[in-house]
Amino acid sequence: MGSKQHRELVASTLRAEKARAGATFGELSERLKACGIQQSGNNLKSKFARGQMDAGLFLAILDALGVRTLDLPDLLKDIEPRRNQNR
């Protein structure tokens, strides 16, 4: 399932990209439906809040929002210090 920090990173990344795209959860649901993925707006809202979903849905959401690049080193920089503390 990933660590709490990873789930928080998924949630914050998706919220930021959704805001950047100016999409509502209903609109995102319709965009996903056009790709053959059935997710209600309420279901998406819940998954965004928890930061828990399979990798395929995460990538499909990013695609539906028009995201073409993510800077993983930049995203992971806040997790790295925590990871080193747990060693």
PDB file of N, CA and C in Angstrom:
ATOM      1  N   MET A   1       0.812  -1.200   0.000  1.00  0.00           N
ATOM      2  CA  MET A   1       0.000   0.000   0.000  1.00  0.00           C
ATOM      3  C   MET A   1       0.851   1.258   0.000  1.00  0.00           C
ATOM      4  N   GLY A   2       2.089   1.153   0.358  1.00  0.00           N
ATOM      5  CA  GLY A   2       2.936   2.343   0.413  1.00  0.00           C
ATOM      6  C   GLY A   2       2.871   2.979   1.784  1.00  0.00           C
ATOM      7  N   SER A   3       3.858   3.777   2.058  1.00  0.00           N
ATOM      8  CA  SER A   3       3.900   4.447   3.348  1.00  0.00           C
ATOM      9  C   SER A   3       2.914   5.600   3.383  1.00  0.00           C
ATOM     10  N   LYS A   4       2.655   6.094   4.564  1.00  0.00           N
ATOM     11  CA  LYS A   4       1.770   7.252   4.730  1.00  0.00           C
ATOM     12  C   LYS A   4       2.298   8.437   3.913  1.00  0.00           C
ATOM     13  N   GLN A   5       3.606   8.631   3.909  1.00  0.00           N
ATOM     14  CA  GLN A   5       4.198   9.743   3.157  1.00  0.00           C
ATOM     15  C   GLN A   5       3.954   9.582   1.659  1.00  0.00           C
ATOM     16  N   HIS A   6       4.034   8.356   1.160  1.00  0.00           N
ATOM     17  CA  HIS A   6       3.794   8.115  -0.262  1.00  0.00           C
ATOM     18  C   HIS A   6       2.328   8.360  -0.611  1.00  0.00           C
ATOM     19  N   ARG A   7       1.411   7.919   0.247  1.00  0.00           N
ATOM     20  CA  ARG A   7      -0.014   8.169  -0.004  1.00  0.00           C
ATOM     21  C   ARG A   7      -0.308   9.664   0.013  1.00  0.00           C
ATOM     22  N   GLU A   8       0.306  10.395   0.948  1.00  0.00           N
ATOM     23  CA  GLU A   8       0.127  11.844   0.998  1.00  0.00           C
ATOM     24  C   GLU A   8       0.682  12.504  -0.258  1.00  0.00           C
ATOM     25  N   LEU A   9       1.775  11.987  -0.772  1.00  0.00           N
ATOM     26  CA  LEU A   9       2.371  12.518  -1.997  1.00  0.00           C
ATOM     27  C   LEU A   9       1.450  12.286  -3.200  1.00  0.00           C
ATOM     28  N   VAL A  10       0.867  11.100  -3.286  1.00  0.00           N
ATOM     29  CA  VAL A  10      -0.088  10.812  -4.360  1.00  0.00           C
ATOM     30  C   VAL A  10      -1.259  11.788  -4.270  1.00  0.00           C
ATOM     31  N   ALA A  11      -1.820  11.932  -3.068  1.00  0.00           N
ATOM     32  CA  ALA A  11      -2.974  12.811  -2.884  1.00  0.00           C
ATOM     33  C   ALA A  11      -2.644  14.255  -3.245  1.00  0.00           C
ATOM     34  N   SER A  12      -1.532  14.763  -2.761  1.00  0.00           N
ATOM     35  CA  SER A  12      -1.202  16.171  -3.027  1.00  0.00           C
ATOM     36  C   SER A  12      -0.854  16.394  -4.500  1.00  0.00           C
ATOM     37  N   THR A  13      -0.205  15.426  -5.126  1.00  0.00           N
ATOM     38  CA  THR A  13       0.120  15.546  -6.550  1.00  0.00           C
ATOM     39  C   THR A  13      -1.156  15.600  -7.380  1.00  0.00           C
ATOM     40  N   LEU A  14      -2.091  14.706  -7.098  1.00  0.00           N
ATOM     41  CA  LEU A  14      -3.335  14.683  -7.862  1.00  0.00           C
ATOM     42  C   LEU A  14      -4.165  15.941  -7.626  1.00  0.00           C
ATOM     43  N   ARG A  15      -4.229  16.399  -6.385  1.00  0.00           N
ATOM     44  CA  ARG A  15      -4.975  17.637  -6.101  1.00  0.00           C
ATOM     45  C   ARG A  15      -4.379  18.812  -6.868  1.00  0.00           C
ATOM     46  N   ALA A  16      -3.057  18.910  -6.864  1.00  0.00           N
ATOM     47  CA  ALA A  16      -2.393  20.023  -7.548  1.00  0.00           C
ATOM     48  C   ALA A  16      -2.626  19.955  -9.053  1.00  0.00           C
ATOM     49  N   GLU A  17      -2.500  18.769  -9.634  1.00  0.00           N
ATOM     50  CA  GLU A  17      -2.682  18.638 -11.075  1.00  0.00           C
ATOM     51  C   GLU A  17      -4.137  18.850 -11.480  1.00  0.00           C
ATOM     52  N   LYS A  18      -5.068  18.428 -10.642  1.00  0.00           N
ATOM     53  CA  LYS A  18      -6.489  18.655 -10.908  1.00  0.00           C
ATOM     54  C   LYS A  18      -6.783  20.149 -10.881  1.00  0.00           C
ATOM     55  N   ALA A  19      -6.245  20.847  -9.904  1.00  0.00           N
ATOM     56  CA  ALA A  19      -6.432  22.294  -9.809  1.00  0.00           C
ATOM     57  C   ALA A  19      -5.802  22.999 -11.009  1.00  0.00           C
ATOM     58  N   ARG A  20      -4.609  22.578 -11.379  1.00  0.00           N
ATOM     59  CA  ARG A  20      -3.913  23.159 -12.528  1.00  0.00           C
ATOM     60  C   ARG A  20      -4.740  22.995 -13.807  1.00  0.00           C
ATOM     61  N   ALA A  21      -5.409  21.847 -13.933  1.00  0.00           N
ATOM     62  CA  ALA A  21      -6.229  21.586 -15.113  1.00  0.00           C
ATOM     63  C   ALA A  21      -7.594  22.265 -15.019  1.00  0.00           C
ATOM     64  N   GLY A  22      -7.939  22.760 -13.834  1.00  0.00           N
ATOM     65  CA  GLY A  22      -9.225  23.418 -13.650  1.00  0.00           C
ATOM     66  C   GLY A  22     -10.409  22.473 -13.782  1.00  0.00           C
ATOM     67  N   ALA A  23     -10.216  21.224 -13.407  1.00  0.00           N
ATOM     68  CA  ALA A  23     -11.262  20.203 -13.565  1.00  0.00           C
ATOM     69  C   ALA A  23     -11.959  19.926 -12.239  1.00  0.00           C
ATOM     70  N   THR A  24     -13.249  19.641 -12.321  1.00  0.00           N
ATOM     71  CA  THR A  24     -13.991  19.167 -11.156  1.00  0.00           C
ATOM     72  C   THR A  24     -13.887  17.640 -11.122  1.00  0.00           C
ATOM     73  N   PHE A  25     -14.306  17.042 -10.014  1.00  0.00           N
ATOM     74  CA  PHE A  25     -14.306  15.584  -9.948  1.00  0.00           C
ATOM     75  C   PHE A  25     -15.285  15.006 -10.964  1.00  0.00           C
ATOM     76  N   GLY A  26     -16.401  15.681 -11.187  1.00  0.00           N
ATOM     77  CA  GLY A  26     -17.359  15.232 -12.196  1.00  0.00           C
ATOM     78  C   GLY A  26     -16.762  15.261 -13.595  1.00  0.00           C
ATOM     79  N   GLU A  27     -16.053  16.336 -13.907  1.00  0.00           N
ATOM     80  CA  GLU A  27     -15.399  16.433 -15.220  1.00  0.00           C
ATOM     81  C   GLU A  27     -14.327  15.372 -15.385  1.00  0.00           C
ATOM     82  N   LEU A  28     -13.568  15.143 -14.322  1.00  0.00           N
ATOM     83  CA  LEU A  28     -12.532  14.111 -14.375  1.00  0.00           C
ATOM     84  C   LEU A  28     -13.168  12.741 -14.586  1.00  0.00           C
ATOM     85  N   SER A  29     -14.297  12.495 -13.926  1.00  0.00           N
ATOM     86  CA  SER A  29     -15.014  11.239 -14.108  1.00  0.00           C
ATOM     87  C   SER A  29     -15.408  11.057 -15.575  1.00  0.00           C
ATOM     88  N   GLU A  30     -15.892  12.118 -16.205  1.00  0.00           N
ATOM     89  CA  GLU A  30     -16.281  12.051 -17.619  1.00  0.00           C
ATOM     90  C   GLU A  30     -15.066  11.823 -18.520  1.00  0.00           C
ATOM     91  N   ARG A  31     -13.956  12.457 -18.204  1.00  0.00           N
ATOM     92  CA  ARG A  31     -12.734  12.259 -19.005  1.00  0.00           C
ATOM     93  C   ARG A  31     -12.263  10.815 -18.920  1.00  0.00           C
ATOM     94  N   LEU A  32     -12.337  10.247 -17.716  1.00  0.00           N
ATOM     95  CA  LEU A  32     -11.935   8.850 -17.541  1.00  0.00           C
ATOM     96  C   LEU A  32     -12.903   7.913 -18.257  1.00  0.00           C
ATOM     97  N   LYS A  33     -14.184   8.240 -18.214  1.00  0.00           N
ATOM     98  CA  LYS A  33     -15.194   7.415 -18.885  1.00  0.00           C
ATOM     99  C   LYS A  33     -14.902   7.347 -20.380  1.00  0.00           C
ATOM    100  N   ALA A  34     -14.434   8.450 -20.954  1.00  0.00           N
ATOM    101  CA  ALA A  34     -14.087   8.474 -22.377  1.00  0.00           C
ATOM    102  C   ALA A  34     -12.940   7.516 -22.692  1.00  0.00           C
ATOM    103  N   CYS A  35     -12.156   7.173 -21.668  1.00  0.00           N
ATOM    104  CA  CYS A  35     -11.034   6.224 -21.823  1.00  0.00           C
ATOM    105  C   CYS A  35     -11.436   4.813 -21.406  1.00  0.00           C
ATOM    106  N   GLY A  36     -12.711   4.626 -21.056  1.00  0.00           N
ATOM    107  CA  GLY A  36     -13.181   3.307 -20.657  1.00  0.00           C
ATOM    108  C   GLY A  36     -13.036   3.003 -19.183  1.00  0.00           C
ATOM    109  N   ILE A  37     -12.806   4.015 -18.371  1.00  0.00           N
ATOM    110  CA  ILE A  37     -12.621   3.809 -16.931  1.00  0.00           C
ATOM    111  C   ILE A  37     -13.817   4.402 -16.196  1.00  0.00           C
ATOM    112  N   GLN A  38     -14.523   3.553 -15.458  1.00  0.00           N
ATOM    113  CA  GLN A  38     -15.711   3.981 -14.722  1.00  0.00           C
ATOM    114  C   GLN A  38     -15.345   4.335 -13.282  1.00  0.00           C
ATOM    115  N   GLN A  39     -15.387   5.609 -12.964  1.00  0.00           N
ATOM    116  CA  GLN A  39     -15.147   6.095 -11.599  1.00  0.00           C
ATOM    117  C   GLN A  39     -16.074   7.284 -11.388  1.00  0.00           C
ATOM    118  N   SER A  40     -16.933   7.215 -10.386  1.00  0.00           N
ATOM    119  CA  SER A  40     -17.814   8.355 -10.126  1.00  0.00           C
ATOM    120  C   SER A  40     -16.988   9.508  -9.546  1.00  0.00           C
ATOM    121  N   GLY A  41     -17.532  10.702  -9.640  1.00  0.00           N
ATOM    122  CA  GLY A  41     -16.862  11.854  -9.056  1.00  0.00           C
ATOM    123  C   GLY A  41     -16.640  11.678  -7.564  1.00  0.00           C
ATOM    124  N   ASN A  42     -17.637  11.126  -6.863  1.00  0.00           N
ATOM    125  CA  ASN A  42     -17.502  10.909  -5.416  1.00  0.00           C
ATOM    126  C   ASN A  42     -16.435   9.870  -5.100  1.00  0.00           C
ATOM    127  N   ASN A  43     -16.358   8.829  -5.921  1.00  0.00           N
ATOM    128  CA  ASN A  43     -15.339   7.799  -5.721  1.00  0.00           C
ATOM    129  C   ASN A  43     -13.941   8.397  -5.919  1.00  0.00           C
ATOM    130  N   LEU A  44     -13.793   9.221  -6.950  1.00  0.00           N
ATOM    131  CA  LEU A  44     -12.501   9.874  -7.193  1.00  0.00           C
ATOM    132  C   LEU A  44     -12.134  10.792  -6.035  1.00  0.00           C
ATOM    133  N   LYS A  45     -13.100  11.534  -5.554  1.00  0.00           N
ATOM    134  CA  LYS A  45     -12.853  12.452  -4.431  1.00  0.00           C
ATOM    135  C   LYS A  45     -12.328  11.673  -3.218  1.00  0.00           C
ATOM    136  N   SER A  46     -12.931  10.529  -2.949  1.00  0.00           N
ATOM    137  CA  SER A  46     -12.502   9.683  -1.834  1.00  0.00           C
ATOM    138  C   SER A  46     -11.094   9.148  -2.051  1.00  0.00           C
ATOM    139  N   LYS A  47     -10.808   8.700  -3.259  1.00  0.00           N
ATOM    140  CA  LYS A  47      -9.474   8.163  -3.552  1.00  0.00           C
ATOM    141  C   LYS A  47      -8.411   9.255  -3.488  1.00  0.00           C
ATOM    142  N   PHE A  48      -8.751  10.456  -3.941  1.00  0.00           N
ATOM    143  CA  PHE A  48      -7.813  11.577  -3.839  1.00  0.00           C
ATOM    144  C   PHE A  48      -7.521  11.868  -2.370  1.00  0.00           C
ATOM    145  N   ALA A  49      -8.549  11.868  -1.544  1.00  0.00           N
ATOM    146  CA  ALA A  49      -8.378  12.191  -0.121  1.00  0.00           C
ATOM    147  C   ALA A  49      -7.483  11.169   0.576  1.00  0.00           C
ATOM    148  N   ARG A  50      -7.665   9.894   0.243  1.00  0.00           N
ATOM    149  CA  ARG A  50      -6.863   8.835   0.869  1.00  0.00           C
ATOM    150  C   ARG A  50      -5.492   8.695   0.231  1.00  0.00           C
ATOM    151  N   GLY A  51      -5.385   9.066  -1.038  1.00  0.00           N
ATOM    152  CA  GLY A  51      -4.131   8.861  -1.763  1.00  0.00           C
ATOM    153  C   GLY A  51      -3.890   7.402  -2.071  1.00  0.00           C
ATOM    154  N   GLN A  52      -4.971   6.615  -2.112  1.00  0.00           N
ATOM    155  CA  GLN A  52      -4.837   5.182  -2.364  1.00  0.00           C
ATOM    156  C   GLN A  52      -5.591   4.797  -3.620  1.00  0.00           C
ATOM    157  N   MET A  53      -4.866   4.237  -4.567  1.00  0.00           N
ATOM    158  CA  MET A  53      -5.430   3.724  -5.809  1.00  0.00           C
ATOM    159  C   MET A  53      -4.347   2.902  -6.476  1.00  0.00           C
ATOM    160  N   ASP A  54      -4.738   2.104  -7.463  1.00  0.00           N
ATOM    161  CA  ASP A  54      -3.696   1.342  -8.146  1.00  0.00           C
ATOM    162  C   ASP A  54      -2.936   2.261  -9.094  1.00  0.00           C
ATOM    163  N   ALA A  55      -1.774   1.814  -9.484  1.00  0.00           N
ATOM    164  CA  ALA A  55      -0.893   2.630 -10.329  1.00  0.00           C
ATOM    165  C   ALA A  55      -1.540   2.936 -11.669  1.00  0.00           C
ATOM    166  N   GLY A  56      -2.311   1.999 -12.196  1.00  0.00           N
ATOM    167  CA  GLY A  56      -2.974   2.215 -13.478  1.00  0.00           C
ATOM    168  C   GLY A  56      -3.955   3.380 -13.413  1.00  0.00           C
ATOM    169  N   LEU A  57      -4.735   3.456 -12.340  1.00  0.00           N
ATOM    170  CA  LEU A  57      -5.687   4.556 -12.191  1.00  0.00           C
ATOM    171  C   LEU A  57      -4.939   5.869 -11.977  1.00  0.00           C
ATOM    172  N   PHE A  58      -3.885   5.846 -11.193  1.00  0.00           N
ATOM    173  CA  PHE A  58      -3.075   7.056 -10.971  1.00  0.00           C
ATOM    174  C   PHE A  58      -2.594   7.610 -12.317  1.00  0.00           C
ATOM    175  N   LEU A  59      -2.055   6.737 -13.164  1.00  0.00           N
ATOM    176  CA  LEU A  59      -1.558   7.177 -14.470  1.00  0.00           C
ATOM    177  C   LEU A  59      -2.690   7.620 -15.388  1.00  0.00           C
ATOM    178  N   ALA A  60      -3.825   6.929 -15.340  1.00  0.00           N
ATOM    179  CA  ALA A  60      -4.971   7.314 -16.164  1.00  0.00           C
ATOM    180  C   ALA A  60      -5.492   8.692 -15.760  1.00  0.00           C
ATOM    181  N   ILE A  61      -5.512   8.976 -14.470  1.00  0.00           N
ATOM    182  CA  ILE A  61      -5.949  10.294 -13.988  1.00  0.00           C
ATOM    183  C   ILE A  61      -4.998  11.368 -14.483  1.00  0.00           C
ATOM    184  N   LEU A  62      -3.709  11.125 -14.335  1.00  0.00           N
ATOM    185  CA  LEU A  62      -2.735  12.108 -14.820  1.00  0.00           C
ATOM    186  C   LEU A  62      -2.906  12.342 -16.316  1.00  0.00           C
ATOM    187  N   ASP A  63      -3.120  11.272 -17.069  1.00  0.00           N
ATOM    188  CA  ASP A  63      -3.320  11.387 -18.511  1.00  0.00           C
ATOM    189  C   ASP A  63      -4.587  12.190 -18.806  1.00  0.00           C
ATOM    190  N   ALA A  64      -5.677  11.879 -18.108  1.00  0.00           N
ATOM    191  CA  ALA A  64      -6.945  12.577 -18.320  1.00  0.00           C
ATOM    192  C   ALA A  64      -6.834  14.067 -17.973  1.00  0.00           C
ATOM    193  N   LEU A  65      -5.947  14.398 -17.052  1.00  0.00           N
ATOM    194  CA  LEU A  65      -5.730  15.795 -16.675  1.00  0.00           C
ATOM    195  C   LEU A  65      -4.746  16.502 -17.602  1.00  0.00           C
ATOM    196  N   GLY A  66      -4.165  15.743 -18.527  1.00  0.00           N
ATOM    197  CA  GLY A  66      -3.236  16.337 -19.485  1.00  0.00           C
ATOM    198  C   GLY A  66      -1.814  16.468 -18.980  1.00  0.00           C
ATOM    199  N   VAL A  67      -1.503  15.773 -17.896  1.00  0.00           N
ATOM    200  CA  VAL A  67      -0.145  15.832 -17.340  1.00  0.00           C
ATOM    201  C   VAL A  67       0.769  14.994 -18.232  1.00  0.00           C
ATOM    202  N   ARG A  68       1.839  15.582 -18.694  1.00  0.00           N
ATOM    203  CA  ARG A  68       2.769  14.869 -19.565  1.00  0.00           C
ATOM    204  C   ARG A  68       4.136  14.669 -18.919  1.00  0.00           C
ATOM    205  N   THR A  69       4.430  15.436 -17.882  1.00  0.00           N
ATOM    206  CA  THR A  69       5.696  15.240 -17.164  1.00  0.00           C
ATOM    207  C   THR A  69       5.467  15.472 -15.677  1.00  0.00           C
ATOM    208  N   LEU A  70       6.208  14.722 -14.887  1.00  0.00           N
ATOM    209  CA  LEU A  70       6.275  14.922 -13.435  1.00  0.00           C
ATOM    210  C   LEU A  70       7.744  14.888 -13.065  1.00  0.00           C
ATOM    211  N   ASP A  71       8.139  15.773 -12.206  1.00  0.00           N
ATOM    212  CA  ASP A  71       9.520  15.816 -11.744  1.00  0.00           C
ATOM    213  C   ASP A  71       9.626  14.967 -10.480  1.00  0.00           C
ATOM    214  N   LEU A  72       9.862  13.658 -10.651  1.00  0.00           N
ATOM    215  CA  LEU A  72       9.903  12.753  -9.498  1.00  0.00           C
ATOM    216  C   LEU A  72      10.942  13.147  -8.460  1.00  0.00           C
ATOM    217  N   PRO A  73      12.164  13.511  -8.862  1.00  0.00           N
ATOM    218  CA  PRO A  73      13.113  13.913  -7.819  1.00  0.00           C
ATOM    219  C   PRO A  73      12.585  15.077  -6.971  1.00  0.00           C
ATOM    220  N   ASP A  74      11.912  16.014  -7.616  1.00  0.00           N
ATOM    221  CA  ASP A  74      11.356  17.144  -6.873  1.00  0.00           C
ATOM    222  C   ASP A  74      10.221  16.682  -5.960  1.00  0.00           C
ATOM    223  N   LEU A  75       9.365  15.795  -6.459  1.00  0.00           N
ATOM    224  CA  LEU A  75       8.255  15.288  -5.657  1.00  0.00           C
ATOM    225  C   LEU A  75       8.746  14.479  -4.457  1.00  0.00           C
ATOM    226  N   LEU A  76       9.774  13.683  -4.677  1.00  0.00           N
ATOM    227  CA  LEU A  76      10.253  12.778  -3.631  1.00  0.00           C
ATOM    228  C   LEU A  76      11.191  13.436  -2.627  1.00  0.00           C
ATOM    229  N   LYS A  77      11.593  14.666  -2.889  1.00  0.00           N
ATOM    230  CA  LYS A  77      12.576  15.309  -2.000  1.00  0.00           C
ATOM    231  C   LYS A  77      12.083  15.422  -0.569  1.00  0.00           C
ATOM    232  N   ASP A  78      10.788  15.601  -0.374  1.00  0.00           N
ATOM    233  CA  ASP A  78      10.259  15.717   0.981  1.00  0.00           C
ATOM    234  C   ASP A  78      10.182  14.374   1.696  1.00  0.00           C
ATOM    235  N   ILE A  79      10.183  13.288   0.945  1.00  0.00           N
ATOM    236  CA  ILE A  79      10.129  11.953   1.550  1.00  0.00           C
ATOM    237  C   ILE A  79      11.525  11.455   1.893  1.00  0.00           C
ATOM    238  N   GLU A  80      12.505  11.825   1.115  1.00  0.00           N
ATOM    239  CA  GLU A  80      13.874  11.326   1.299  1.00  0.00           C
ATOM    240  C   GLU A  80      14.395  11.485   2.725  1.00  0.00           C
ATOM    241  N   PRO A  81      14.293  12.667   3.351  1.00  0.00           N
ATOM    242  CA  PRO A  81      14.812  12.779   4.725  1.00  0.00           C
ATOM    243  C   PRO A  81      14.113  11.826   5.686  1.00  0.00           C
ATOM    244  N   ARG A  82      12.825  11.627   5.509  1.00  0.00           N
ATOM    245  CA  ARG A  82      12.086  10.705   6.373  1.00  0.00           C
ATOM    246  C   ARG A  82      12.534   9.276   6.169  1.00  0.00           C
ATOM    247  N   ARG A  83      12.805   8.918   4.908  1.00  0.00           N
ATOM    248  CA  ARG A  83      13.252   7.569   4.601  1.00  0.00           C
ATOM    249  C   ARG A  83      14.585   7.293   5.284  1.00  0.00           C
ATOM    250  N   ASN A  84      15.496   8.264   5.228  1.00  0.00           N
ATOM    251  CA  ASN A  84      16.803   8.087   5.851  1.00  0.00           C
ATOM    252  C   ASN A  84      16.713   8.017   7.363  1.00  0.00           C
ATOM    253  N   GLN A  85      15.726   8.670   7.961  1.00  0.00           N
ATOM    254  CA  GLN A  85      15.562   8.618   9.408  1.00  0.00           C
ATOM    255  C   GLN A  85      15.122   7.245   9.867  1.00  0.00           C
ATOM    256  N   ASN A  86      14.420   6.512   9.004  1.00  0.00           N
ATOM    257  CA  ASN A  86      13.884   5.199   9.372  1.00  0.00           C
ATOM    258  C   ASN A  86      14.912   4.085   9.220  1.00  0.00           C
ATOM    259  N   ARG A  87      16.093   4.385   8.755  1.00  0.00           N
ATOM    260  CA  ARG A  87      17.134   3.353   8.550  1.00  0.00           C
ATOM    261  C   ARG A  87      17.934   3.134   9.790  1.00  0.00           C
TER     262      ARG A  87
END
